């Protein structure tokens, strides 16, 4: 019984026609002796009717005994639903099929959890759903996510092909570069004691492709990082990886804005406005306290350093005297903050080294705070003017060195927004996407414990040309040609113009990052050699594909847009991996485990 139509295709135009559907038993209802079975496939569902006056008893009984998610084929005639029984929630809700024949293609056992009700299914423990991922994937929500993912991948390929890019695969067995995140190591059988590493990104290979004259490369690249997981991280993930020769930052901005505009249009029919807003790293921190700001709501940081430099409130004036800053935000309508919420925000401030969190509540026409008594009329007037203070507002302060003060209020700003959303005082449109570029990051950051500089992005990022003289003299002044693309507070991707001159790259490795010459030669010698033979100016970017799909689908976790994700403990519950391997496999790889064998198993000799 080969199907003639899919389960979301039947309409009033088909009334009177004989059709055949194949699919899963979505739900079954017995109403007054008449059996109704909704049949579902990936496109949707259609109601079928088993009337004992039209089918033999054996067929009726077989249909009545089916468990949900059994696979069936039905043949029958399309008819209008009886008056008053239409279902406007589904496209096929005005018709039904009066079944004449049915074939059970595969009878299902009782399910470990219900999949036909989205509210019920969503409450099932995630580990149970991941163990039976094949059932979870039948939910329309996840099926839709995977189709959007496929559409986004196809759109990416068509767009970049039209822009002259070549899709090129780079190796998955690479060499270890331990400066970055922890790697997954792969032991070599033919080279005893030596290891490959699964790539954290194709960074070095795509730069070598530029030296090879490819000029325009892209790849939907599989990448691997052995990191602790959270909602937007998986040990294996996908990124849209791009590299171009003979370009500058403006070329990257134009390309990616065009690509994202096309993806949003083709996948969810949303018009993205270009060009995107641009903020420097310093401006993003000054205004939002974070380098991936969510600009869908205000609550911006305001600087009061000059206003409080001579204040009688010594916490503020003392910090200004030491070269620090005073900043504040106005959490509108949040004066009803609870004691617990205030303690949470205070702990956030303390996590950055602050001693506490200064605040003002505006209630009953009064400014309520233990610090207000120290403020002059001029200081109060400045607060009123710059923050637009009204009844019901909550003012929160940070006095610290610049970066700390920004980051303290940046974290608190996001926390306040979360609470105000939950209270219905702040509404963020789920269909609004605020894209922006963050640029001019510091090329280097200083590690106090190690007493050395390290790359803010990666060591291949080119410094801004006019800052190159400061590389060895004053590294903190050097800006990198690095850029991040951010949407709704999510870092969607990042990239940079690369160093293509071997002498500049060698200076960064040895004199700035203080890597020993032998280490540089061992890890990056082949790149430095390649650059000696005519490396073009080049740059690129990598976009987090899983994060992008989560944004498009409105999902909080990237696990909901990956067919077979790992758990928070990096386990695949469906296939029960990672798992132990046989002793012979370990011997072939010249490995000996020191881990104790599970109870009941023999340890390796």
Foldseek 3Di string as FASTA:
>chain_A
DDWPDEAQPDDPVQAFPKTKYKAWFLDWDQDPNKIWTWGHDLVGTAIEIEHCVQEPPVQVVVVVPADGGFIKMFIFGKHFDPPPQFDPVGNNRGIHGYTHDMDGPGGDDHDPARQNDVVRVVPPPVLVCLQVVVSVCRRNLLSLLQVLLVQLVVLLVVLLVVVVEDEDDDDQFAADDPPDAAWDWAFDLVDAPGITTGAQDCVLVVLLVLLVVNFKYWYQDWHAGPDQDDQADFRIATKTWIKGFPDAPVVQQVSVVVSVQRSLCRRVNDGDDDDAAEAAQVRCLQFQLDLFDQPLDHQTKDWCLVVCCPFLQCLRVVLSVVVATKIKTKLALCLVPDPVLLVVLQVLLVVLPDPGKFKWRAAPNDTDGPCVVRGDPSSVVVCCVVHVDDHNIMMIMDIHHRSSRSNSVNVVVVVSQVVCVVVVNDDGDLSDKRKYKYFFAQQWDADPVVRAIAGPVHLFWAWDVVCLVCQQPPSRPITTQKMFMHISSDGFKIKHFTDLALVSSVCSCCRHRNDDPVVCCVPPVVVSVSSVSPRGGMMIMIGRSLVVSCSSSVHSGSVSSDSQGADSVNASSNVGDPDDDDPVVCVSSVHADPDDDPPPDDHDD
